[in-house]
Protein backbone atom coordinates (compact mmCIF):
# COMPACT_ATOMS: atom_id res chain seq x y z
CA MET A 1 0.00 0.00 0.00
CA ASN A 2 1.47 3.38 -0.97
CA LEU A 3 1.72 6.41 1.30
CA ARG A 4 -1.29 8.13 -0.28
CA ALA A 5 -3.49 5.06 0.33
CA ILE A 6 -2.33 4.84 3.96
CA SER A 7 -3.08 8.52 4.51
CA SER A 8 -6.54 8.13 2.98
CA SER A 9 -7.28 5.14 5.22
CA LEU A 10 -6.19 7.03 8.34
CA LEU A 11 -8.30 10.03 7.35
CA ALA A 12 -11.35 7.82 6.83
CA ALA A 13 -10.85 6.12 10.20
CA THR A 14 -10.42 9.44 11.96
CA SER A 15 -13.67 10.75 10.48
CA LEU A 16 -15.55 7.89 12.18
CA ILE A 17 -14.30 8.89 15.63
CA ALA A 18 -16.59 11.35 17.41
CA VAL A 19 -14.74 14.45 18.51
CA ALA A 20 -15.65 15.67 22.00
CA GLU A 21 -16.95 19.22 22.04
CA SER A 22 -17.52 21.70 24.83
CA ARG A 23 -19.56 24.88 24.91
CA SER A 24 -19.66 27.62 27.55
CA LEU A 25 -22.68 29.80 28.31
CA ASP A 26 -23.28 32.68 30.68
CA VAL A 27 -26.89 32.69 31.86
CA THR A 28 -27.92 35.90 33.63
CA VAL A 29 -31.20 35.81 35.56
CA THR A 30 -32.61 39.16 36.73
CA ASN A 31 -35.31 39.53 39.37
CA THR A 32 -37.10 42.86 38.89
CA LEU A 33 -39.44 42.42 41.86
CA ASP A 34 -39.03 43.91 45.34
CA THR A 35 -39.27 40.41 46.85
CA ASP A 36 -36.87 37.47 46.91
CA ARG A 37 -37.59 34.49 44.66
CA GLN A 38 -37.03 31.02 46.08
CA GLY A 39 -36.60 27.91 43.96
CA HIS A 40 -36.83 29.69 40.61
CA PRO A 41 -36.50 27.33 37.60
CA VAL A 42 -34.04 28.35 34.90
CA ILE A 43 -34.40 26.50 31.59
CA VAL A 44 -31.90 26.54 28.72
CA ASP A 45 -33.13 25.37 25.30
CA LEU A 46 -30.31 23.17 24.02
CA ASP A 47 -31.74 23.02 20.50
CA LYS A 48 -31.09 26.75 20.37
CA HIS A 49 -27.97 27.18 22.49
CA ALA A 50 -26.16 23.92 21.67
CA ALA A 51 -27.55 23.20 18.21
CA GLY A 52 -26.28 20.00 16.63
CA LEU A 53 -24.54 18.80 19.80
CA ASP A 54 -25.43 15.68 21.79
CA ILE A 55 -24.89 17.09 25.29
CA THR A 56 -24.26 14.40 27.91
CA LYS A 57 -22.84 16.48 30.75
CA ALA A 58 -23.59 19.94 32.13
CA THR A 59 -21.77 21.78 34.90
CA ALA A 60 -22.97 25.08 36.35
CA THR A 61 -21.55 27.47 38.92
CA ILE A 62 -22.61 30.74 40.53
CA GLY A 63 -19.68 32.73 41.90
CA GLY A 64 -17.51 29.63 41.65
CA ARG A 65 -19.93 27.44 43.63
CA GLU A 66 -21.37 24.46 41.76
CA ILE A 67 -25.15 24.14 41.59
CA ALA A 68 -27.25 21.15 40.56
CA THR A 69 -28.15 20.67 36.90
CA GLN A 70 -30.42 18.29 35.01
CA LEU A 71 -30.42 17.34 31.32
CA ASP A 72 -33.86 16.35 30.01
CA ASP A 73 -34.74 14.42 26.86
CA LEU A 74 -38.34 15.54 26.32
CA ASP A 75 -39.10 13.72 23.04
CA ASN A 76 -37.43 10.37 23.79
CA ASP A 77 -34.91 10.55 20.94
CA GLY A 78 -31.90 9.98 23.19
CA ILE A 79 -30.65 13.58 22.95
CA ALA A 80 -31.05 16.16 25.71
CA ASP A 81 -33.41 19.00 24.78
CA GLU A 82 -33.28 21.21 27.88
CA LEU A 83 -30.92 22.06 30.71
CA VAL A 84 -32.70 22.65 34.04
CA MET A 85 -31.42 24.59 37.06
CA VAL A 86 -33.24 25.88 40.15
CA ILE A 87 -31.86 28.94 41.97
CA ASP A 88 -32.71 31.62 44.54
CA ILE A 89 -32.56 35.28 43.49
CA PRO A 90 -32.69 38.22 45.92
CA ALA A 91 -35.06 41.13 45.32
CA ASN A 92 -33.98 43.60 42.62
CA ASP A 93 -30.88 41.55 41.90
CA ALA A 94 -29.35 39.31 39.26
CA ALA A 95 -27.45 36.04 39.25
CA THR A 96 -25.05 34.90 36.54
CA ILE A 97 -24.72 31.16 36.03
CA ASN A 98 -21.59 29.93 34.26
CA VAL A 99 -22.51 26.79 32.33
CA THR A 100 -20.24 24.29 30.60
CA LEU A 101 -21.87 21.81 28.21
CA ASP A 102 -19.96 18.71 27.10
CA THR A 103 -20.60 15.98 24.55
CA GLU A 104 -18.44 13.56 26.54
CA GLY A 105 -18.82 12.37 30.12
CA THR A 106 -21.88 11.80 32.29
CA GLN A 107 -23.91 13.97 34.62
CA SER A 108 -22.87 14.34 38.23
CA GLN A 109 -25.29 12.84 40.74
CA TYR A 110 -27.25 15.37 42.78
CA GLU A 111 -29.54 14.86 45.76
CA PRO A 112 -33.03 14.11 44.40
CA ALA A 113 -35.71 16.69 45.16
CA THR A 114 -38.42 15.42 42.77
CA TYR A 115 -39.60 11.98 41.70
CA ALA A 116 -42.26 10.52 39.39
CA TYR A 117 -43.46 6.97 38.81
CA ILE A 118 -46.19 4.70 37.52
CA LYS A 119 -46.59 1.39 39.36
CA LEU A 120 -48.80 -1.52 38.40
CA ARG A 121 -51.19 -3.17 40.83
CA ASP A 122 -50.59 -6.94 40.91
CA GLU A 123 -51.58 -9.98 42.94
CA LYS A 124 -48.15 -10.33 44.55
CA LYS A 125 -48.08 -6.63 45.48
CA THR A 126 -44.68 -6.10 43.90
CA HIS A 127 -45.98 -2.88 42.28
CA VAL A 128 -43.62 -3.00 39.31
CA LYS A 129 -42.66 0.39 37.89
CA VAL A 130 -43.31 1.11 34.21
CA ASP A 131 -42.37 4.10 32.08
CA ALA A 132 -45.74 4.29 30.35
CA ILE A 133 -49.12 2.61 30.09
CA SER A 134 -52.03 2.93 27.67
CA PHE A 135 -55.52 1.45 27.54
CA PRO A 136 -58.01 1.13 24.67
CA GLY A 137 -60.86 3.56 25.13
CA ASP A 138 -63.48 0.83 25.46
CA ILE A 139 -61.94 -0.53 28.67
CA ASP A 140 -64.12 0.31 31.66
CA VAL A 141 -62.64 3.30 33.50
CA LYS A 142 -62.99 1.51 36.85
CA THR A 143 -60.65 -1.16 35.47
CA THR A 144 -58.06 1.36 34.28
CA TYR A 145 -58.32 3.22 37.59
CA ASN A 146 -57.76 0.08 39.67
CA SER A 147 -55.00 -1.36 37.47
CA ILE A 148 -52.50 1.26 38.67
CA TYR A 149 -51.10 1.25 42.20
CA GLY A 150 -52.23 4.60 43.55
CA HIS A 151 -54.83 4.80 40.74
CA GLY A 152 -52.53 6.76 38.43
CA ALA A 153 -49.15 8.35 37.88
CA VAL A 154 -47.57 9.85 41.00
CA MET A 155 -45.13 12.75 41.23
CA GLU A 156 -43.65 14.40 44.29
CA GLY A 157 -41.49 17.28 45.41
CA LEU A 158 -40.09 17.88 48.87
CA HIS A 159 -43.26 19.53 50.23
CA ASN A 160 -46.12 17.62 48.63
CA ALA A 161 -47.14 15.09 46.01
CA LEU A 162 -49.93 14.54 43.52
CA ARG A 163 -51.46 11.70 41.57
CA ILE A 164 -53.44 11.88 38.34
CA TYR A 165 -56.26 9.38 38.18
CA MET A 166 -56.13 6.90 35.30
CA ASP A 167 -59.77 7.28 34.24
CA ASN A 168 -62.11 9.68 32.49
CA ARG A 169 -61.93 12.20 35.35
CA GLN A 170 -58.14 12.49 35.28
CA SER A 171 -58.56 14.21 38.64
CA ILE A 172 -55.57 15.50 40.57
CA ASP A 173 -55.41 14.23 44.14
CA LEU A 174 -52.99 15.63 46.73
CA TYR A 175 -50.61 14.40 49.42
CA GLY A 176 -49.24 16.72 52.11
CA LYS A 177 -45.97 16.22 53.97
CA SER A 178 -44.99 16.92 57.55
CA THR A 179 -41.28 16.70 56.73
CA PRO A 180 -39.69 18.06 53.52
CA ARG A 181 -38.38 14.92 51.82
CA LEU A 182 -39.15 12.31 49.16
CA GLU A 183 -41.25 9.55 50.73
CA LEU A 184 -43.82 8.19 48.27
CA ASP A 185 -41.77 5.04 47.63
CA VAL A 186 -42.41 4.30 51.31
CA THR A 187 -46.07 5.25 51.73
CA GLY A 188 -47.36 5.05 48.15
CA PHE A 189 -50.18 7.51 49.04
CA TYR A 190 -51.45 4.88 51.53
CA THR A 191 -49.94 6.02 54.82
CA THR A 192 -50.40 3.60 57.69
CA PRO A 193 -51.15 4.78 61.26
CA GLU A 194 -47.62 3.74 62.22
CA GLN A 195 -46.09 5.79 59.40
CA LEU A 196 -48.27 8.77 60.30
CA ALA A 197 -47.00 8.55 63.88
CA GLU A 198 -43.43 8.49 62.54
CA GLY A 199 -43.94 11.83 60.77
CA TYR A 200 -44.86 10.75 57.26
CA GLY A 201 -47.44 12.70 55.27
CA ARG A 202 -50.72 11.47 53.81
CA ASP A 203 -53.53 12.00 51.32
CA ILE A 204 -55.04 15.41 52.13
CA LEU A 205 -57.86 15.90 49.60
CA TRP A 206 -61.26 14.37 48.87
CA ALA A 207 -62.11 15.25 45.28
CA GLY A 208 -65.79 14.27 45.36
CA LYS A 209 -67.76 16.05 42.61
CA SER A 210 -65.26 18.89 42.30
CA VAL A 211 -62.37 19.61 39.93
CA ALA A 212 -60.13 18.89 42.94
CA ALA A 213 -56.82 20.75 42.45
CA GLY A 214 -56.41 21.91 38.87
CA SER A 215 -57.94 18.93 37.07
CA PHE A 216 -58.53 19.70 33.38
CA ARG A 217 -62.12 19.50 32.13
CA GLY A 218 -64.34 20.25 29.20
CA TYR A 219 -67.28 22.55 29.94
CA ARG A 220 -70.79 21.78 28.76
CA ASN A 221 -74.33 22.68 29.85
CA GLY A 222 -72.97 25.14 32.40
CA ALA A 223 -70.76 22.63 34.24
CA PRO A 224 -67.34 20.94 33.99
CA CYS A 225 -67.39 17.62 32.11
CA THR A 226 -64.95 14.71 32.02
CA ILE A 227 -62.95 13.13 29.17
CA ASP A 228 -65.35 10.29 28.44
CA THR A 229 -65.12 8.98 24.86
CA VAL A 230 -61.60 8.27 23.58
CA ALA A 231 -59.87 5.75 21.32
CA SER A 232 -57.19 5.30 23.98
CA ARG A 233 -56.00 6.94 27.17
CA GLY A 234 -52.49 6.72 28.56
CA GLN A 235 -49.95 8.05 31.04
CA SER A 236 -46.16 8.20 30.82
CA VAL A 237 -43.24 9.45 32.87
CA ILE A 238 -41.39 11.83 30.55
CA VAL A 239 -38.74 12.82 33.08
CA THR A 240 -37.90 11.98 36.67
CA GLY A 241 -34.87 13.73 38.08
CA PRO A 242 -33.34 15.66 40.96
CA LEU A 243 -34.67 19.07 39.84
CA ARG A 244 -37.72 18.36 37.69
CA SER A 245 -40.21 15.58 37.00
CA ILE A 246 -42.78 15.50 34.20
CA VAL A 247 -45.77 13.21 33.66
CA GLU A 248 -47.80 13.20 30.44
CA VAL A 249 -51.45 12.20 30.06
CA THR A 250 -52.58 11.36 26.51
CA ASP A 251 -56.13 11.15 25.16
CA LYS A 252 -56.29 9.92 21.57
CA ASP A 253 -59.39 10.69 19.50
CA TRP A 254 -61.29 12.39 22.31
CA ILE A 255 -64.84 12.89 21.00
CA TYR A 256 -65.98 16.26 22.31
CA ASN A 257 -69.00 18.08 20.90
CA GLY A 258 -69.15 15.43 18.18
CA LYS A 259 -65.61 16.09 16.88
CA ARG A 260 -62.30 14.24 17.27
CA HIS A 261 -59.59 15.91 19.34
CA GLN A 262 -56.05 14.85 20.19
CA MET A 263 -54.94 15.95 23.65
CA LYS A 264 -51.80 15.84 25.75
CA GLN A 265 -51.50 17.16 29.29
CA ARG A 266 -48.07 17.60 30.86
CA TYR A 267 -47.68 18.01 34.62
CA THR A 268 -44.37 19.43 35.85
CA ILE A 269 -43.01 19.71 39.37
CA TYR A 270 -39.75 21.48 40.27
CA ALA A 271 -37.40 21.07 43.21
CA ARG A 272 -38.21 22.97 46.43
CA ARG A 273 -41.50 24.39 45.17
CA HIS A 274 -45.06 23.98 46.46
CA ASP A 275 -46.69 24.44 43.05
CA PHE A 276 -46.87 22.45 39.82
CA ASP A 277 -47.39 23.47 36.18
CA VAL A 278 -49.99 22.11 33.78
CA ASP A 279 -49.51 22.40 30.01
CA VAL A 280 -52.30 21.17 27.76
CA THR A 281 -52.10 20.83 23.98
CA ILE A 282 -55.27 20.11 21.99
CA THR A 283 -55.87 19.73 18.25
CA GLY A 284 -59.19 19.68 16.44
CA ILE A 285 -60.66 22.56 18.47
CA THR A 286 -63.95 24.01 17.20
CA ALA A 287 -65.89 27.17 18.06
CA ASP A 288 -68.25 25.07 20.21
CA ASP A 289 -65.51 23.82 22.51
CA LEU A 290 -65.19 25.18 26.03
CA PHE A 291 -62.57 24.11 28.58
CA CYS A 292 -62.02 24.80 32.25
CA THR A 293 -60.06 24.01 35.37
CA GLY A 294 -60.28 25.20 38.94
CA ILE A 295 -59.79 24.47 42.61
CA GLN A 296 -62.37 23.01 44.91
CA LYS A 297 -64.25 24.66 47.72
CA LEU A 298 -63.16 22.67 50.76
CA GLU A 299 -66.02 20.81 52.41
CA THR A 300 -65.65 22.38 55.89
CA ASP A 301 -64.99 26.03 56.85
CA ASN A 302 -64.13 26.95 53.28
CA GLU A 303 -62.92 30.46 52.53
CA GLY A 304 -62.02 31.49 49.02
CA PHE A 305 -61.94 34.03 46.23
CA ILE A 306 -61.56 34.53 42.49
CA GLU A 307 -59.97 37.52 40.77
CA ALA A 308 -60.48 38.57 37.17
CA ASP A 309 -56.77 38.48 36.30
CA GLY A 310 -56.60 34.69 36.64
CA LEU A 311 -56.05 34.05 40.35
CA ALA A 312 -58.18 31.86 42.61
CA GLY A 313 -57.65 30.68 46.17
CA SER A 314 -59.38 28.52 48.74
CA ARG A 315 -58.67 27.21 52.23
CA GLY A 316 -60.53 24.93 54.58
CA SER A 317 -60.76 21.39 55.87
CA ASN A 318 -61.95 18.05 54.55
CA VAL A 319 -61.88 14.34 55.34
CA PRO A 320 -59.76 12.66 52.62
CA ASP A 321 -60.57 9.11 53.74
CA LYS A 322 -64.26 8.77 54.60
CA LYS A 323 -63.47 5.59 56.54
CA HIS A 324 -61.51 7.73 59.00
CA PRO A 325 -63.54 10.84 59.85
CA GLU A 326 -61.29 11.32 62.87
CA LEU A 327 -58.45 12.32 60.50
CA PRO A 328 -59.41 15.63 58.85
CA GLU A 329 -56.88 17.68 56.90
CA THR A 330 -56.65 21.46 56.53
CA LEU A 331 -55.09 22.90 53.40
CA GLY A 332 -54.98 25.80 51.00
CA LEU A 333 -55.24 25.69 47.21
CA GLY A 334 -54.27 28.26 44.61
CA LEU A 335 -54.70 28.63 40.85
CA HIS A 336 -52.85 30.93 38.44
CA VAL A 337 -53.95 31.01 34.79
CA SER A 338 -51.68 32.37 32.07
CA PRO A 339 -53.15 35.68 30.79
CA VAL A 340 -53.32 34.43 27.20
CA ASN A 341 -55.48 31.48 28.34
CA ASN A 342 -57.73 33.33 30.82
CA GLY A 343 -61.27 33.01 29.48
CA GLY A 344 -62.93 34.33 32.64
CA MET A 345 -63.26 33.33 36.29
CA SER A 346 -66.44 32.02 37.93
CA GLU A 347 -67.66 29.71 40.66
CA ASP A 348 -70.25 27.00 41.19
CA GLU A 349 -71.41 24.92 44.13
CA TYR A 350 -68.19 22.93 44.37
CA ASN A 351 -65.46 24.97 42.68
CA TYR A 352 -63.71 28.22 41.93
CA LEU A 353 -63.42 27.90 38.16
CA ALA A 354 -61.30 29.33 35.37
CA MET A 355 -62.54 29.13 31.80
CA LEU A 356 -59.61 28.29 29.54
CA THR A 357 -59.00 29.69 26.06
CA PRO A 358 -56.35 27.83 24.01
CA ASP A 359 -53.85 29.99 22.13
CA SER A 360 -53.45 29.84 18.35
CA ASN A 361 -51.42 26.61 18.70
CA GLY A 362 -54.01 24.91 20.89
CA LYS A 363 -51.92 25.35 24.04
CA ILE A 364 -53.07 26.12 27.59
CA HIS A 365 -50.89 26.84 30.63
CA TYR A 366 -51.79 27.17 34.30
CA THR A 367 -50.19 26.56 37.69
CA VAL A 368 -51.60 25.08 40.90
CA ASN A 369 -50.32 25.82 44.41
CA ILE A 370 -50.70 23.63 47.51
CA GLY A 371 -50.28 24.52 51.17
CA ALA A 372 -50.88 21.75 53.71
CA GLU A 373 -51.30 22.93 57.28
CA ARG A 374 -49.51 19.78 58.46
CA GLU A 375 -46.21 21.18 57.17
CA ALA A 376 -43.91 22.36 59.95
CA ASP A 377 -43.97 25.87 58.45
CA GLY A 378 -47.45 25.53 56.97
CA PHE A 379 -49.87 28.43 56.71
CA LYS A 380 -52.18 28.51 59.73
CA SER A 381 -54.85 30.91 58.49
CA ALA A 382 -56.75 31.79 55.33
CA GLU A 383 -55.42 35.34 55.52
CA SER A 384 -51.75 34.29 55.47
CA TRP A 385 -52.41 31.72 52.72
CA PHE A 386 -54.18 34.26 50.51
CA ASP A 387 -51.38 36.81 51.06
CA ASN A 388 -48.94 34.13 49.94
CA LEU A 389 -51.03 33.39 46.83
CA ARG A 390 -51.07 37.03 45.76
CA LYS A 391 -47.28 37.21 46.10
CA TRP A 392 -46.98 33.95 44.13
CA HIS A 393 -49.37 35.24 41.44
CA LYS A 394 -47.29 38.40 41.07
CA GLU A 395 -44.11 36.35 40.65
CA LEU A 396 -45.66 34.14 37.96
CA SER A 397 -47.07 37.21 36.21
CA THR A 398 -43.65 38.92 36.24
CA PRO A 399 -41.12 36.43 34.85
CA CYS A 400 -37.43 36.93 35.50
CA ILE A 401 -35.42 38.36 32.63
CA ILE A 402 -33.06 35.69 31.29
CA GLU A 403 -30.13 36.49 29.01
CA ILE A 404 -27.93 33.74 27.57
CA LYS A 405 -24.57 34.52 25.97
């Protein structure tokens, strides 16, 4: 083989070897409010800021101190789509995060502060975890509901947890914690008296005929309606990680007002926060379609309000487990609706409601807040809870300014 042939062979071999790449970003987050922000999510779109790169490791520092990061693959193609960080920002101040993105190496392990799972109910009570599950639409909803341990996907942060029922209601049920930690792998939403005595949390909400805590509904004949006729309904864990967990609910060929709709609901919980985000995408929308969400009026000593700019709040007590009336729970609920989706606020016998208007892409966004009195630092009055909600609403309505260079 001559020298030219050898050189060509070496060049061809070299071209097959992936070359590690690194990219540095400075992410500046500015808080323009007169109040501190705690646990503020910072998201970097890697399709935009690391285009063409398969990022496998991210390192971030503020003032030389490393902070936790999370790389999320949101479309299951094996390539990270977003970088997630969660930081605190003082009032009228800014923080600059120095980020290094690498195509070689693996993520550092950080202490988990969120978690999501779907577990199957089985005869041997092994409760095997699965990434996703889907049922044909003609399966009885009681069967789908009872086939999942906990009756649906579960996700938790340090302060609370929620589950999304695997049936036509797709109701959101809540779990409050006495101690800030991850604990649902221990209690599974079914806290025993012994666990309760040891300081574990428990189910804190009875949904009844209400929309519970931010459950998505259609709206027909002057009342919320459930997602009844579908070709299939499913749930999947999109992400479970130290800083963010995401669960997706899918309804294929939802027949609503006589027309087919495709719908996906994504529920997102971030580290150290009491609230969770809901993002709904619907296709096939017609002029006849109305949608809503809301928060329930608690069954005992309820106090609450709605405000025209998309805020609702309630606080009171209820008995989550009707077999144990001696174990009532007191909690507060809050709802913030994105201005572009706010179709008007109202109330009925059971709920404080928000009518939802999809944007031009069929998207809806709202956020639900939870405050269990059983928390060590929990709110002990409706007045303090409502003051907290108005501060929270102002924060969500005034996003931080984020610059990425």
